[in-house]
Amino acid sequence: MSTPFRLLLSVAAFFGVWLLVFYVSLMLLPDALAWLQPLAALGFAIWMARRVWRQLEVITDASLPVFVGIGAAALGGLGFVAGFFGPMIFAPGANQGPLLGIFITGPGGALLGALVGWLVWLKQRA
């Protein structure tokens, strides 16, 4: 796979996982562990970005779960970021804007990414 496309997918997975882990840790961790929230989010995001980068390096011999997982992480991350920050930028008065990314575009992107990953895997096998 080409390096710019690998970079794009890795960055998308990084930001999607970083935001998801950061906001989940805001809800789960007590205030005394506030310093742990950005560190945990950054650690998981770096791990996912490296995993996506390495898995896309030798994509020809990868299995179905690799294709589905990378597609779901990449498009789910992009959908989440677009749905979360898009309403903040384009409609700042909409108080429920970030919920679009959390409940609609993030999961929708993950499902669409899993489907695309499955279709790419089928095409690679043929």
Protein backbone atom coordinates (compact mmCIF):
# COMPACT_ATOMS: atom_id res chain seq x y z
CA MET A 1 0.00 0.00 0.00
CA SER A 2 1.25 3.50 -0.74
CA THR A 3 2.92 5.47 2.04
CA PRO A 4 0.61 8.54 1.91
CA PHE A 5 -2.48 6.33 2.23
CA ARG A 6 -0.90 4.38 5.10
CA LEU A 7 -0.08 7.68 6.80
CA LEU A 8 -3.63 8.97 6.32
CA LEU A 9 -5.16 5.84 7.81
CA SER A 10 -2.70 5.81 10.71
CA VAL A 11 -3.40 9.47 11.56
CA ALA A 12 -7.15 8.88 11.35
CA ALA A 13 -6.89 5.89 13.67
CA PHE A 14 -4.67 7.90 16.04
CA PHE A 15 -7.13 10.78 16.44
CA GLY A 16 -10.18 8.55 16.63
CA VAL A 17 -8.71 6.33 19.34
CA TRP A 18 -7.24 9.30 21.22
CA LEU A 19 -10.59 11.07 21.43
CA LEU A 20 -12.49 7.92 22.31
CA VAL A 21 -10.13 6.86 25.10
CA PHE A 22 -9.83 10.41 26.45
CA TYR A 23 -13.58 10.92 26.74
CA VAL A 24 -14.20 7.46 28.15
CA SER A 25 -11.49 8.03 30.75
CA LEU A 26 -13.11 11.36 31.68
CA MET A 27 -16.21 9.41 32.63
CA LEU A 28 -14.54 6.49 34.36
CA LEU A 29 -11.50 7.85 36.20
CA PRO A 30 -11.90 9.96 39.35
CA ASP A 31 -10.60 13.53 39.51
CA ALA A 32 -7.59 12.41 41.55
CA LEU A 33 -6.31 10.55 38.48
CA ALA A 34 -6.84 13.42 36.04
CA TRP A 35 -3.18 13.26 35.01
CA LEU A 36 -3.69 9.69 33.78
CA GLN A 37 -6.40 10.59 31.25
CA PRO A 38 -4.24 12.23 28.57
CA LEU A 39 -1.44 9.72 29.09
CA ALA A 40 -3.74 6.73 28.65
CA ALA A 41 -5.37 8.31 25.61
CA LEU A 42 -2.01 9.10 24.05
CA GLY A 43 -0.67 5.62 24.76
CA PHE A 44 -3.63 3.83 23.21
CA ALA A 45 -3.65 6.21 20.23
CA ILE A 46 0.05 5.65 19.53
CA TRP A 47 -0.42 1.89 19.88
CA MET A 48 -3.33 1.89 17.40
CA ALA A 49 -1.54 4.15 14.90
CA ARG A 50 1.57 1.92 14.97
CA ARG A 51 -0.58 -1.18 14.61
CA VAL A 52 -2.40 0.26 11.60
CA TRP A 53 0.91 1.39 10.06
CA ARG A 54 2.53 -2.04 10.49
CA GLN A 55 -0.48 -4.03 9.35
CA LEU A 56 -0.78 -1.98 6.17
CA GLU A 57 2.88 -2.60 5.32
CA VAL A 58 2.34 -6.19 4.21
CA ILE A 59 -1.32 -6.10 3.38
CA THR A 60 -1.22 -8.94 0.84
CA ASP A 61 -0.91 -11.77 3.38
CA ALA A 62 -3.17 -10.30 6.07
CA SER A 63 -6.23 -12.16 7.33
CA LEU A 64 -9.87 -11.09 7.40
CA PRO A 65 -9.87 -9.69 10.97
CA VAL A 66 -6.93 -7.44 10.08
CA PHE A 67 -8.75 -5.94 7.10
CA VAL A 68 -12.02 -5.53 9.00
CA GLY A 69 -10.31 -4.10 12.09
CA ILE A 70 -8.21 -1.58 10.19
CA GLY A 71 -11.17 -0.47 8.11
CA ALA A 72 -13.36 -0.09 11.19
CA ALA A 73 -10.69 1.81 13.14
CA ALA A 74 -9.81 4.14 10.29
CA LEU A 75 -13.29 5.04 9.05
CA GLY A 76 -14.75 4.95 12.55
CA GLY A 77 -12.08 7.38 13.69
CA LEU A 78 -12.66 9.67 10.74
CA GLY A 79 -16.42 9.55 11.24
CA PHE A 80 -16.10 10.27 14.92
CA VAL A 81 -13.75 13.21 14.41
CA ALA A 82 -15.88 14.68 11.61
CA GLY A 83 -19.12 14.24 13.55
CA PHE A 84 -17.67 15.50 16.82
CA PHE A 85 -15.80 18.57 15.59
CA GLY A 86 -17.83 19.38 12.46
CA PRO A 87 -20.86 20.75 14.33
CA MET A 88 -18.58 22.72 16.65
CA ILE A 89 -17.00 24.43 13.65
CA PHE A 90 -19.96 24.84 11.31
CA ALA A 91 -22.82 25.26 13.81
CA PRO A 92 -21.38 26.56 17.10
CA GLY A 93 -24.84 27.32 18.49
CA ALA A 94 -25.96 23.70 18.26
CA ASN A 95 -25.60 22.36 21.79
CA GLN A 96 -25.99 18.72 20.79
CA GLY A 97 -23.45 18.80 17.97
CA PRO A 98 -20.79 16.50 19.49
CA LEU A 99 -23.40 13.81 20.08
CA LEU A 100 -23.52 13.36 16.32
CA GLY A 101 -19.97 12.01 16.35
CA ILE A 102 -20.47 9.87 19.43
CA PHE A 103 -23.73 8.19 18.48
CA ILE A 104 -24.07 8.40 14.70
CA THR A 105 -21.02 9.12 12.55
CA GLY A 106 -18.48 7.27 14.72
CA PRO A 107 -20.35 3.95 14.91
CA GLY A 108 -21.61 4.39 11.35
CA GLY A 109 -18.07 4.93 10.11
CA ALA A 110 -16.90 1.87 12.03
CA LEU A 111 -19.59 -0.30 10.44
CA LEU A 112 -18.90 1.11 6.99
CA GLY A 113 -15.15 0.65 7.51
CA ALA A 114 -15.64 -2.96 8.55
CA LEU A 115 -17.73 -3.56 5.43
CA VAL A 116 -15.13 -1.89 3.21
CA GLY A 117 -12.37 -3.92 4.88
CA TRP A 118 -14.30 -7.11 4.19
CA LEU A 119 -14.82 -6.15 0.54
CA VAL A 120 -11.13 -5.29 0.10
CA TRP A 121 -10.21 -8.64 1.66
CA LEU A 122 -12.53 -10.43 -0.78
CA LYS A 123 -10.93 -8.54 -3.68
CA GLN A 124 -7.41 -9.46 -2.46
CA ARG A 125 -8.33 -13.14 -2.31
CA ALA A 126 -9.68 -13.22 -5.86
